[in-house]
């Protein structure tokens, strides 16, 4: 019976040692995972900060593009008005030249 108790004690000791080894390995794994978690959190924060920087830059670029397009539209409208005015002036000159041509035809017929 004493021998059986000793065997049980040895078996329990082996189990306890094995369990302690497993606990030690699990503790190491926990430390590694906590380190990885902290790294991922830091990386996530950096990415979010970068996203907000990119968003801010995109907004600034969009605002600048909008301002430039507004200037281009204003210049184009001004140019179109000038072209229309010039076309109207050319039309008046054309009509005047036709009138002069008719007058000279009438005068040459009278001569």
PDB file of N, CA and C in Angstrom:
ATOM      1  N   UNK A   1       0.809  -1.184   0.000  1.00  0.00           N
ATOM      2  CA  UNK A   1       0.000   0.000   0.000  1.00  0.00           C
ATOM      3  C   UNK A   1       0.862   1.261   0.000  1.00  0.00           C
ATOM      4  N   UNK A   2       1.924   1.246   0.779  1.00  0.00           N
ATOM      5  CA  UNK A   2       2.844   2.369   0.806  1.00  0.00           C
ATOM      6  C   UNK A   2       3.457   2.559  -0.574  1.00  0.00           C
ATOM      7  N   UNK A   3       3.745   1.438  -1.192  1.00  0.00           N
ATOM      8  CA  UNK A   3       4.329   1.494  -2.537  1.00  0.00           C
ATOM      9  C   UNK A   3       3.329   2.123  -3.514  1.00  0.00           C
ATOM     10  N   UNK A   4       2.098   1.795  -3.387  1.00  0.00           N
ATOM     11  CA  UNK A   4       1.068   2.341  -4.272  1.00  0.00           C
ATOM     12  C   UNK A   4       0.903   3.841  -4.011  1.00  0.00           C
ATOM     13  N   UNK A   5       0.981   4.255  -2.778  1.00  0.00           N
ATOM     14  CA  UNK A   5       0.887   5.677  -2.427  1.00  0.00           C
ATOM     15  C   UNK A   5       2.084   6.411  -3.014  1.00  0.00           C
ATOM     16  N   UNK A   6       3.267   5.790  -2.916  1.00  0.00           N
ATOM     17  CA  UNK A   6       4.467   6.410  -3.492  1.00  0.00           C
ATOM     18  C   UNK A   6       4.345   6.538  -5.002  1.00  0.00           C
ATOM     19  N   UNK A   7       3.794   5.514  -5.667  1.00  0.00           N
ATOM     20  CA  UNK A   7       3.603   5.572  -7.118  1.00  0.00           C
ATOM     21  C   UNK A   7       2.613   6.689  -7.479  1.00  0.00           C
ATOM     22  N   UNK A   8       1.542   6.749  -6.708  1.00  0.00           N
ATOM     23  CA  UNK A   8       0.564   7.820  -6.937  1.00  0.00           C
ATOM     24  C   UNK A   8       1.193   9.196  -6.725  1.00  0.00           C
ATOM     25  N   UNK A   9       2.026   9.279  -5.705  1.00  0.00           N
ATOM     26  CA  UNK A   9       2.715  10.540  -5.414  1.00  0.00           C
ATOM     27  C   UNK A   9       3.656  10.913  -6.553  1.00  0.00           C
ATOM     28  N   UNK A  10       4.392   9.941  -7.079  1.00  0.00           N
ATOM     29  CA  UNK A  10       5.288  10.205  -8.213  1.00  0.00           C
ATOM     30  C   UNK A  10       4.490  10.620  -9.443  1.00  0.00           C
ATOM     31  N   UNK A  11       3.386   9.939  -9.684  1.00  0.00           N
ATOM     32  CA  UNK A  11       2.523  10.257 -10.828  1.00  0.00           C
ATOM     33  C   UNK A  11       1.960  11.669 -10.684  1.00  0.00           C
ATOM     34  N   UNK A  12       1.526  12.006  -9.489  1.00  0.00           N
ATOM     35  CA  UNK A  12       0.983  13.342  -9.236  1.00  0.00           C
ATOM     36  C   UNK A  12       2.084  14.395  -9.378  1.00  0.00           C
ATOM     37  N   UNK A  13       3.306  14.046  -8.943  1.00  0.00           N
ATOM     38  CA  UNK A  13       4.430  14.974  -9.073  1.00  0.00           C
ATOM     39  C   UNK A  13       4.732  15.221 -10.541  1.00  0.00           C
ATOM     40  N   UNK A  14       4.734  14.140 -11.349  1.00  0.00           N
ATOM     41  CA  UNK A  14       4.961  14.280 -12.790  1.00  0.00           C
ATOM     42  C   UNK A  14       3.884  15.162 -13.418  1.00  0.00           C
ATOM     43  N   UNK A  15       2.647  14.930 -13.008  1.00  0.00           N
ATOM     44  CA  UNK A  15       1.547  15.741 -13.546  1.00  0.00           C
ATOM     45  C   UNK A  15       1.702  17.211 -13.146  1.00  0.00           C
ATOM     46  N   UNK A  16       2.101  17.427 -11.900  1.00  0.00           N
ATOM     47  CA  UNK A  16       2.276  18.797 -11.412  1.00  0.00           C
ATOM     48  C   UNK A  16       3.405  19.499 -12.170  1.00  0.00           C
ATOM     49  N   UNK A  17       4.501  18.782 -12.409  1.00  0.00           N
ATOM     50  CA  UNK A  17       5.635  19.351 -13.159  1.00  0.00           C
ATOM     51  C   UNK A  17       5.199  19.676 -14.580  1.00  0.00           C
ATOM     52  N   UNK A  18       4.450  18.738 -15.179  1.00  0.00           N
ATOM     53  CA  UNK A  18       3.962  18.943 -16.540  1.00  0.00           C
ATOM     54  C   UNK A  18       3.020  20.155 -16.588  1.00  0.00           C
ATOM     55  N   UNK A  19       2.153  20.254 -15.595  1.00  0.00           N
ATOM     56  CA  UNK A  19       1.215  21.377 -15.531  1.00  0.00           C
ATOM     57  C   UNK A  19       1.972  22.690 -15.340  1.00  0.00           C
ATOM     58  N   UNK A  20       2.984  22.675 -14.475  1.00  0.00           N
ATOM     59  CA  UNK A  20       3.788  23.880 -14.255  1.00  0.00           C
ATOM     60  C   UNK A  20       4.505  24.299 -15.538  1.00  0.00           C
ATOM     61  N   UNK A  21       5.033  23.306 -16.275  1.00  0.00           N
ATOM     62  CA  UNK A  21       5.681  23.612 -17.551  1.00  0.00           C
ATOM     63  C   UNK A  21       4.678  24.233 -18.537  1.00  0.00           C
ATOM     64  N   UNK A  22       3.477  23.658 -18.566  1.00  0.00           N
ATOM     65  CA  UNK A  22       2.437  24.208 -19.448  1.00  0.00           C
ATOM     66  C   UNK A  22       2.073  25.633 -19.043  1.00  0.00           C
ATOM     67  N   UNK A  23       1.978  25.875 -17.744  1.00  0.00           N
ATOM     68  CA  UNK A  23       1.669  27.218 -17.249  1.00  0.00           C
ATOM     69  C   UNK A  23       2.771  28.195 -17.660  1.00  0.00           C
ATOM     70  N   UNK A  24       4.023  27.769 -17.535  1.00  0.00           N
ATOM     71  CA  UNK A  24       5.143  28.633 -17.908  1.00  0.00           C
ATOM     72  C   UNK A  24       5.091  28.962 -19.408  1.00  0.00           C
ATOM     73  N   UNK A  25       4.814  27.935 -20.236  1.00  0.00           N
ATOM     74  CA  UNK A  25       4.706  28.165 -21.683  1.00  0.00           C
ATOM     75  C   UNK A  25       3.542  29.110 -22.004  1.00  0.00           C
ATOM     76  N   UNK A  26       2.428  28.908 -21.323  1.00  0.00           N
ATOM     77  CA  UNK A  26       1.261  29.767 -21.556  1.00  0.00           C
ATOM     78  C   UNK A  26       1.543  31.215 -21.133  1.00  0.00           C
ATOM     79  N   UNK A  27       2.284  31.372 -20.037  1.00  0.00           N
ATOM     80  CA  UNK A  27       2.658  32.724 -19.597  1.00  0.00           C
ATOM     81  C   UNK A  27       3.524  33.406 -20.658  1.00  0.00           C
ATOM     82  N   UNK A  28       4.470  32.660 -21.236  1.00  0.00           N
ATOM     83  CA  UNK A  28       5.315  33.207 -22.302  1.00  0.00           C
ATOM     84  C   UNK A  28       4.453  33.613 -23.510  1.00  0.00           C
ATOM     85  N   UNK A  29       3.508  32.748 -23.847  1.00  0.00           N
ATOM     86  CA  UNK A  29       2.614  33.031 -24.975  1.00  0.00           C
ATOM     87  C   UNK A  29       1.791  34.283 -24.694  1.00  0.00           C
ATOM     88  N   UNK A  30       1.314  34.419 -23.464  1.00  0.00           N
ATOM     89  CA  UNK A  30       0.530  35.607 -23.086  1.00  0.00           C
ATOM     90  C   UNK A  30       1.372  36.868 -23.245  1.00  0.00           C
ATOM     91  N   UNK A  31       2.627  36.823 -22.780  1.00  0.00           N
ATOM     92  CA  UNK A  31       3.514  37.987 -22.890  1.00  0.00           C
ATOM     93  C   UNK A  31       3.729  38.341 -24.365  1.00  0.00           C
ATOM     94  N   UNK A  32       3.962  37.322 -25.187  1.00  0.00           N
ATOM     95  CA  UNK A  32       4.171  37.568 -26.619  1.00  0.00           C
ATOM     96  C   UNK A  32       2.911  38.162 -27.260  1.00  0.00           C
ATOM     97  N   UNK A  33       1.755  37.600 -26.928  1.00  0.00           N
ATOM     98  CA  UNK A  33       0.502  38.097 -27.502  1.00  0.00           C
ATOM     99  C   UNK A  33       0.191  39.521 -27.042  1.00  0.00           C
ATOM    100  N   UNK A  34       0.500  39.822 -25.767  1.00  0.00           N
ATOM    101  CA  UNK A  34       0.291  41.185 -25.279  1.00  0.00           C
ATOM    102  C   UNK A  34       1.193  42.167 -26.014  1.00  0.00           C
ATOM    103  N   UNK A  35       2.411  41.732 -26.284  1.00  0.00           N
ATOM    104  CA  UNK A  35       3.339  42.578 -27.031  1.00  0.00           C
ATOM    105  C   UNK A  35       2.825  42.823 -28.452  1.00  0.00           C
ATOM    106  N   UNK A  36       2.345  41.757 -29.093  1.00  0.00           N
ATOM    107  CA  UNK A  36       1.792  41.889 -30.447  1.00  0.00           C
ATOM    108  C   UNK A  36       0.548  42.770 -30.444  1.00  0.00           C
ATOM    109  N   UNK A  37      -0.278  42.619 -29.413  1.00  0.00           N
ATOM    110  CA  UNK A  37      -1.485  43.439 -29.303  1.00  0.00           C
ATOM    111  C   UNK A  37      -1.124  44.916 -29.189  1.00  0.00           C
ATOM    112  N   UNK A  38      -0.144  45.221 -28.367  1.00  0.00           N
ATOM    113  CA  UNK A  38       0.276  46.609 -28.196  1.00  0.00           C
ATOM    114  C   UNK A  38       0.834  47.168 -29.514  1.00  0.00           C
ATOM    115  N   UNK A  39       1.604  46.343 -30.209  1.00  0.00           N
ATOM    116  CA  UNK A  39       2.140  46.765 -31.511  1.00  0.00           C
ATOM    117  C   UNK A  39       1.001  47.046 -32.482  1.00  0.00           C
ATOM    118  N   UNK A  40       0.006  46.161 -32.517  1.00  0.00           N
ATOM    119  CA  UNK A  40      -1.134  46.342 -33.430  1.00  0.00           C
ATOM    120  C   UNK A  40      -1.930  47.585 -33.067  1.00  0.00           C
ATOM    121  N   UNK A  41      -2.096  47.839 -31.798  1.00  0.00           N
ATOM    122  CA  UNK A  41      -2.806  49.063 -31.380  1.00  0.00           C
ATOM    123  C   UNK A  41      -2.055  50.307 -31.829  1.00  0.00           C
ATOM    124  N   UNK A  42      -0.756  50.299 -31.626  1.00  0.00           N
ATOM    125  CA  UNK A  42       0.058  51.447 -32.046  1.00  0.00           C
ATOM    126  C   UNK A  42      -0.006  51.629 -33.555  1.00  0.00           C
ATOM    127  N   UNK A  43       0.103  50.530 -34.280  1.00  0.00           N
ATOM    128  CA  UNK A  43       0.038  50.591 -35.745  1.00  0.00           C
ATOM    129  C   UNK A  43      -1.332  51.087 -36.203  1.00  0.00           C
ATOM    130  N   UNK A  44      -2.381  50.623 -35.551  1.00  0.00           N
ATOM    131  CA  UNK A  44      -3.742  51.045 -35.888  1.00  0.00           C
ATOM    132  C   UNK A  44      -3.916  52.546 -35.680  1.00  0.00           C
ATOM    133  N   UNK A  45      -3.410  53.042 -34.558  1.00  0.00           N
ATOM    134  CA  UNK A  45      -3.494  54.480 -34.288  1.00  0.00           C
ATOM    135  C   UNK A  45      -2.723  55.270 -35.341  1.00  0.00           C
ATOM    136  N   UNK A  46      -1.558  54.771 -35.708  1.00  0.00           N
ATOM    137  CA  UNK A  46      -0.761  55.456 -36.736  1.00  0.00           C
ATOM    138  C   UNK A  46      -1.490  55.468 -38.071  1.00  0.00           C
ATOM    139  N   UNK A  47      -2.113  54.345 -38.409  1.00  0.00           N
ATOM    140  CA  UNK A  47      -2.863  54.283 -39.665  1.00  0.00           C
ATOM    141  C   UNK A  47      -4.052  55.232 -39.644  1.00  0.00           C
ATOM    142  N   UNK A  48      -4.735  55.286 -38.525  1.00  0.00           N
ATOM    143  CA  UNK A  48      -5.870  56.209 -38.415  1.00  0.00           C
ATOM    144  C   UNK A  48      -5.403  57.652 -38.526  1.00  0.00           C
ATOM    145  N   UNK A  49      -4.288  57.954 -37.887  1.00  0.00           N
ATOM    146  CA  UNK A  49      -3.745  59.313 -37.982  1.00  0.00           C
ATOM    147  C   UNK A  49      -3.378  59.616 -39.431  1.00  0.00           C
ATOM    148  N   UNK A  50      -2.788  58.634 -40.114  1.00  0.00           N
ATOM    149  CA  UNK A  50      -2.443  58.811 -41.524  1.00  0.00           C
ATOM    150  C   UNK A  50      -3.676  59.000 -42.376  1.00  0.00           C
ATOM    151  N   UNK A  51      -4.736  58.257 -42.065  1.00  0.00           N
ATOM    152  CA  UNK A  51      -5.984  58.404 -42.811  1.00  0.00           C
ATOM    153  C   UNK A  51      -6.538  59.808 -42.656  1.00  0.00           C
ATOM    154  N   UNK A  52      -6.498  60.332 -41.443  1.00  0.00           N
ATOM    155  CA  UNK A  52      -7.028  61.681 -41.244  1.00  0.00           C
ATOM    156  C   UNK A  52      -6.137  62.703 -41.948  1.00  0.00           C
ATOM    157  N   UNK A  53      -4.832  62.460 -41.981  1.00  0.00           N
ATOM    158  CA  UNK A  53      -3.925  63.347 -42.723  1.00  0.00           C
ATOM    159  C   UNK A  53      -4.257  63.306 -44.208  1.00  0.00           C
ATOM    160  N   UNK A  54      -4.454  62.081 -44.726  1.00  0.00           N
ATOM    161  CA  UNK A  54      -4.786  61.938 -46.146  1.00  0.00           C
ATOM    162  C   UNK A  54      -6.119  62.591 -46.464  1.00  0.00           C
ATOM    163  N   UNK A  55      -7.075  62.448 -45.563  1.00  0.00           N
ATOM    164  CA  UNK A  55      -8.384  63.052 -45.771  1.00  0.00           C
ATOM    165  C   UNK A  55      -8.274  64.567 -45.773  1.00  0.00           C
ATOM    166  N   UNK A  56      -7.498  65.106 -44.862  1.00  0.00           N
ATOM    167  CA  UNK A  56      -7.294  66.548 -44.792  1.00  0.00           C
ATOM    168  C   UNK A  56      -6.621  67.053 -46.075  1.00  0.00           C
ATOM    169  N   UNK A  57      -5.627  66.319 -46.548  1.00  0.00           N
ATOM    170  CA  UNK A  57      -4.942  66.704 -47.785  1.00  0.00           C
ATOM    171  C   UNK A  57      -5.891  66.622 -48.974  1.00  0.00           C
ATOM    172  N   UNK A  58      -6.727  65.591 -49.003  1.00  0.00           N
ATOM    173  CA  UNK A  58      -7.695  65.449 -50.101  1.00  0.00           C
ATOM    174  C   UNK A  58      -8.686  66.606 -50.090  1.00  0.00           C
ATOM    175  N   UNK A  59      -9.121  67.005 -48.907  1.00  0.00           N
ATOM    176  CA  UNK A  59     -10.050  68.135 -48.799  1.00  0.00           C
ATOM    177  C   UNK A  59      -9.391  69.419 -49.297  1.00  0.00           C
ATOM    178  N   UNK A  60      -8.142  69.624 -48.912  1.00  0.00           N
ATOM    179  CA  UNK A  60      -7.424  70.823 -49.359  1.00  0.00           C
ATOM    180  C   UNK A  60      -7.251  70.810 -50.877  1.00  0.00           C
ATOM    181  N   UNK A  61      -6.920  69.645 -51.423  1.00  0.00           N
ATOM    182  CA  UNK A  61      -6.765  69.532 -52.880  1.00  0.00           C
ATOM    183  C   UNK A  61      -8.083  69.790 -53.592  1.00  0.00           C
ATOM    184  N   UNK A  62      -9.163  69.276 -53.038  1.00  0.00           N
ATOM    185  CA  UNK A  62     -10.479  69.482 -53.645  1.00  0.00           C
ATOM    186  C   UNK A  62     -10.853  70.956 -53.599  1.00  0.00           C
ATOM    187  N   UNK A  63     -10.568  71.620 -52.495  1.00  0.00           N
ATOM    188  CA  UNK A  63     -10.869  73.046 -52.365  1.00  0.00           C
ATOM    189  C   UNK A  63     -10.061  73.855 -53.371  1.00  0.00           C
ATOM    190  N   UNK A  64      -8.798  73.537 -53.499  1.00  0.00           N
ATOM    191  CA  UNK A  64      -7.935  74.239 -54.448  1.00  0.00           C
ATOM    192  C   UNK A  64      -8.409  74.002 -55.882  1.00  0.00           C
ATOM    193  N   UNK A  65      -8.757  72.756 -56.197  1.00  0.00           N
ATOM    194  CA  UNK A  65      -9.261  72.444 -57.539  1.00  0.00           C
ATOM    195  C   UNK A  65     -10.557  73.193 -57.807  1.00  0.00           C
ATOM    196  N   UNK A  66     -11.423  73.276 -56.809  1.00  0.00           N
ATOM    197  CA  UNK A  66     -12.686  73.994 -56.961  1.00  0.00           C
ATOM    198  C   UNK A  66     -12.433  75.476 -57.246  1.00  0.00           C
ATOM    199  N   UNK A  67     -11.522  76.063 -56.500  1.00  0.00           N
ATOM    200  CA  UNK A  67     -11.188  77.484 -56.716  1.00  0.00           C
ATOM    201  C   UNK A  67     -10.617  77.701 -58.111  1.00  0.00           C
ATOM    202  N   UNK A  68      -9.716  76.817 -58.521  1.00  0.00           N
ATOM    203  CA  UNK A  68      -9.114  76.955 -59.852  1.00  0.00           C
ATOM    204  C   UNK A  68     -10.160  76.788 -60.954  1.00  0.00           C
ATOM    205  N   UNK A  69     -11.064  75.819 -60.793  1.00  0.00           N
ATOM    206  CA  UNK A  69     -12.126  75.625 -61.789  1.00  0.00           C
ATOM    207  C   UNK A  69     -13.037  76.845 -61.846  1.00  0.00           C
ATOM    208  N   UNK A  70     -13.310  77.428 -60.703  1.00  0.00           N
ATOM    209  CA  UNK A  70     -14.151  78.638 -60.673  1.00  0.00           C
ATOM    210  C   UNK A  70     -13.485  79.762 -61.465  1.00  0.00           C
ATOM    211  N   UNK A  71     -12.177  79.925 -61.287  1.00  0.00           N
ATOM    212  CA  UNK A  71     -11.440  80.945 -62.039  1.00  0.00           C
ATOM    213  C   UNK A  71     -11.496  80.655 -63.538  1.00  0.00           C
ATOM    214  N   UNK A  72     -11.293  79.383 -63.898  1.00  0.00           N
ATOM    215  CA  UNK A  72     -11.313  78.992 -65.313  1.00  0.00           C
ATOM    216  C   UNK A  72     -12.687  79.263 -65.912  1.00  0.00           C
ATOM    217  N   UNK A  73     -13.742  78.936 -65.182  1.00  0.00           N
ATOM    218  CA  UNK A  73     -15.106  79.171 -65.674  1.00  0.00           C
ATOM    219  C   UNK A  73     -15.342  80.662 -65.879  1.00  0.00           C
ATOM    220  N   UNK A  74     -14.926  81.467 -64.907  1.00  0.00           N
ATOM    221  CA  UNK A  74     -15.093  82.925 -65.045  1.00  0.00           C
ATOM    222  C   UNK A  74     -14.343  83.461 -66.259  1.00  0.00           C
ATOM    223  N   UNK A  75     -13.104  82.993 -66.443  1.00  0.00           N
ATOM    224  CA  UNK A  75     -12.318  83.430 -67.600  1.00  0.00           C
ATOM    225  C   UNK A  75     -12.962  82.968 -68.903  1.00  0.00           C
ATOM    226  N   UNK A  76     -13.467  81.741 -68.915  1.00  0.00           N
ATOM    227  CA  UNK A  76     -14.118  81.215 -70.118  1.00  0.00           C
ATOM    228  C   UNK A  76     -15.371  82.017 -70.438  1.00  0.00           C
ATOM    229  N   UNK A  77     -16.160  82.335 -69.412  1.00  0.00           N
ATOM    230  CA  UNK A  77     -17.364  83.134 -69.647  1.00  0.00           C
ATOM    231  C   UNK A  77     -17.008  84.518 -70.183  1.00  0.00           C
ATOM    232  N   UNK A  78     -15.958  85.115 -69.638  1.00  0.00           N
ATOM    233  CA  UNK A  78     -15.517  86.422 -70.120  1.00  0.00           C
ATOM    234  C   UNK A  78     -15.065  86.323 -71.576  1.00  0.00           C
ATOM    235  N   UNK A  79     -14.321  85.282 -71.890  1.00  0.00           N
ATOM    236  CA  UNK A  79     -13.854  85.092 -73.270  1.00  0.00           C
ATOM    237  C   UNK A  79     -15.031  84.876 -74.216  1.00  0.00           C
ATOM    238  N   UNK A  80     -16.024  84.112 -73.775  1.00  0.00           N
ATOM    239  CA  UNK A  80     -17.199  83.873 -74.615  1.00  0.00           C
ATOM    240  C   UNK A  80     -17.936  85.182 -74.866  1.00  0.00           C
ATOM    241  N   UNK A  81     -18.085  86.014 -73.816  1.00  0.00           N
ATOM    242  CA  UNK A  81     -18.742  87.317 -73.995  1.00  0.00           C
ATOM    243  C   UNK A  81     -17.971  88.171 -74.999  1.00  0.00           C
ATOM    244  N   UNK A  82     -16.648  88.161 -74.897  1.00  0.00           N
ATOM    245  CA  UNK A  82     -15.832  88.933 -75.833  1.00  0.00           C
ATOM    246  C   UNK A  82     -15.987  88.406 -77.260  1.00  0.00           C
ATOM    247  N   UNK A  83     -16.019  87.077 -77.404  1.00  0.00           N
ATOM    248  CA  UNK A  83     -16.198  86.486 -78.736  1.00  0.00           C
ATOM    249  C   UNK A  83     -17.553  86.854 -79.324  1.00  0.00           C
ATOM    250  N   UNK A  84     -18.588  86.802 -78.507  1.00  0.00           N
ATOM    251  CA  UNK A  84     -19.925  87.165 -78.986  1.00  0.00           C
ATOM    252  C   UNK A  84     -19.953  88.629 -79.391  1.00  0.00           C
ATOM    253  N   UNK A  85     -19.357  89.478 -78.562  1.00  0.00           N
ATOM    254  CA  UNK A  85     -19.307  90.908 -78.887  1.00  0.00           C
ATOM    255  C   UNK A  85     -18.538  91.125 -80.190  1.00  0.00           C
ATOM    256  N   UNK A  86     -17.422  90.428 -80.340  1.00  0.00           N
ATOM    257  CA  UNK A  86     -16.631  90.539 -81.565  1.00  0.00           C
ATOM    258  C   UNK A  86     -17.415  90.038 -82.773  1.00  0.00           C
ATOM    259  N   UNK A  87     -18.159  88.953 -82.608  1.00  0.00           N
ATOM    260  CA  UNK A  87     -18.961  88.414 -83.706  1.00  0.00           C
ATOM    261  C   UNK A  87     -20.055  89.409 -84.090  1.00  0.00           C
ATOM    262  N   UNK A  88     -20.666  90.027 -83.090  1.00  0.00           N
ATOM    263  CA  UNK A  88     -21.691  91.031 -83.375  1.00  0.00           C
ATOM    264  C   UNK A  88     -21.089  92.224 -84.112  1.00  0.00           C
ATOM    265  N   UNK A  89     -19.911  92.630 -83.680  1.00  0.00           N
ATOM    266  CA  UNK A  89     -19.229  93.745 -84.358  1.00  0.00           C
ATOM    267  C   UNK A  89     -18.925  93.370 -85.798  1.00  0.00           C
ATOM    268  N   UNK A  90     -18.435  92.152 -86.020  1.00  0.00           N
ATOM    269  CA  UNK A  90     -18.144  91.701 -87.387  1.00  0.00           C
ATOM    270  C   UNK A  90     -19.416  91.660 -88.233  1.00  0.00           C
ATOM    271  N   UNK A  91     -20.508  91.269 -87.611  1.00  0.00           N
ATOM    272  CA  UNK A  91     -21.780  91.240 -88.342  1.00  0.00           C
ATOM    273  C   UNK A  91     -22.178  92.653 -88.758  1.00  0.00           C
ATOM    274  N   UNK A  92     -22.016  93.639 -87.863  1.00  0.00           N
ATOM    275  CA  UNK A  92     -22.321  95.036 -88.189  1.00  0.00           C
ATOM    276  C   UNK A  92     -21.429  95.517 -89.321  1.00  0.00           C
ATOM    277  N   UNK A  93     -20.152  95.207 -89.256  1.00  0.00           N
ATOM    278  CA  UNK A  93     -19.211  95.613 -90.311  1.00  0.00           C
ATOM    279  C   UNK A  93     -19.613  94.961 -91.626  1.00  0.00           C
ATOM    280  N   UNK A  94     -19.987  93.692 -91.580  1.00  0.00           N
ATOM    281  CA  UNK A  94     -20.413  92.990 -92.780  1.00  0.00           C
ATOM    282  C   UNK A  94     -21.621  93.669 -93.406  1.00  0.00           C
ATOM    283  N   UNK A  95     -22.601  94.024 -92.563  1.00  0.00           N
ATOM    284  CA  UNK A  95     -23.793  94.707 -93.058  1.00  0.00           C
ATOM    285  C   UNK A  95     -23.428  96.074 -93.642  1.00  0.00           C
ATOM    286  N   UNK A  96     -22.514  96.777 -93.022  1.00  0.00           N
ATOM    287  CA  UNK A  96     -22.082  98.078 -93.529  1.00  0.00           C
ATOM    288  C   UNK A  96     -21.387  97.926 -94.882  1.00  0.00           C
ATOM    289  N   UNK A  97     -20.558  96.881 -94.999  1.00  0.00           N
ATOM    290  CA  UNK A  97     -19.877  96.642 -96.271  1.00  0.00           C
ATOM    291  C   UNK A  97     -20.889  96.300 -97.364  1.00  0.00           C
ATOM    292  N   UNK A  98     -21.917  95.547 -97.030  1.00  0.00           N
ATOM    293  CA  UNK A  98     -22.968  95.243 -98.007  1.00  0.00           C
ATOM    294  C   UNK A  98     -23.657  96.535 -98.445  1.00  0.00           C
ATOM    295  N   UNK A  99     -23.920  97.396 -97.460  1.00  0.00           N
ATOM    296  CA  UNK A  99     -24.577  98.663 -97.783  1.00  0.00           C
ATOM    297  C   UNK A  99     -23.706  99.509 -98.685  1.00  0.00           C
ATOM    298  N   UNK A 100     -22.419  99.556 -98.379  1.00  0.00           N
ATOM    299  CA  UNK A 100     -21.489 100.337 -99.204  1.00  0.00           C
ATOM    300  C   UNK A 100     -21.448  99.759-100.606  1.00  0.00           C
ATOM    301  N   UNK A 101     -21.455  98.431-100.678  1.00  0.00           N
ATOM    302  CA  UNK A 101     -21.434  97.772-101.978  1.00  0.00           C
ATOM    303  C   UNK A 101     -22.676  98.121-102.771  1.00  0.00           C
ATOM    304  N   UNK A 102     -23.838  98.136-102.142  1.00  0.00           N
ATOM    305  CA  UNK A 102     -25.085  98.482-102.825  1.00  0.00           C
ATOM    306  C   UNK A 102     -25.076  99.944-103.273  1.00  0.00           C
ATOM    307  N   UNK A 103     -24.563 100.810-102.371  1.00  0.00           N
ATOM    308  CA  UNK A 103     -24.520 102.237-102.705  1.00  0.00           C
ATOM    309  C   UNK A 103     -23.635 102.448-103.923  1.00  0.00           C
ATOM    310  N   UNK A 104     -22.477 101.776-103.941  1.00  0.00           N
ATOM    311  CA  UNK A 104     -21.579 101.983-105.075  1.00  0.00           C
ATOM    312  C   UNK A 104     -22.179 101.387-106.360  1.00  0.00           C
ATOM    313  N   UNK A 105     -22.966 100.327-106.222  1.00  0.00           N
ATOM    314  CA  UNK A 105     -23.615  99.770-107.422  1.00  0.00           C
ATOM    315  C   UNK A 105     -24.659 100.754-107.965  1.00  0.00           C
ATOM    316  N   UNK A 106     -25.439 101.339-107.042  1.00  0.00           N
ATOM    317  CA  UNK A 106     -26.455 102.305-107.465  1.00  0.00           C
ATOM    318  C   UNK A 106     -25.785 103.516-108.084  1.00  0.00           C
ATOM    319  N   UNK A 107     -24.704 103.998-107.505  1.00  0.00           N
ATOM    320  CA  UNK A 107     -24.012 105.179-108.032  1.00  0.00           C
ATOM    321  C   UNK A 107     -23.376 104.873-109.391  1.00  0.00           C
ATOM    322  N   UNK A 108     -22.844 103.687-109.583  1.00  0.00           N
ATOM    323  CA  UNK A 108     -22.231 103.374-110.849  1.00  0.00           C
ATOM    324  C   UNK A 108     -23.290 103.209-111.938  1.00  0.00           C
ATOM    325  N   UNK A 109     -24.485 102.782-111.548  1.00  0.00           N
ATOM    326  CA  UNK A 109     -25.574 102.678-112.538  1.00  0.00           C
ATOM    327  C   UNK A 109     -26.030 104.076-112.953  1.00  0.00           C
ATOM    328  N   UNK A 110     -25.975 105.039-112.045  1.00  0.00           N
ATOM    329  CA  UNK A 110     -26.397 106.392-112.310  1.00  0.00           C
ATOM    330  C   UNK A 110     -25.371 107.101-113.205  1.00  0.00           C
ATOM    331  N   UNK A 111     -24.216 106.693-113.198  1.00  0.00           N
ATOM    332  CA  UNK A 111     -23.180 107.380-113.959  1.00  0.00           C
ATOM    333  C   UNK A 111     -23.207 106.959-115.366  1.00  0.00           C
TER     334      UNK A 111
END
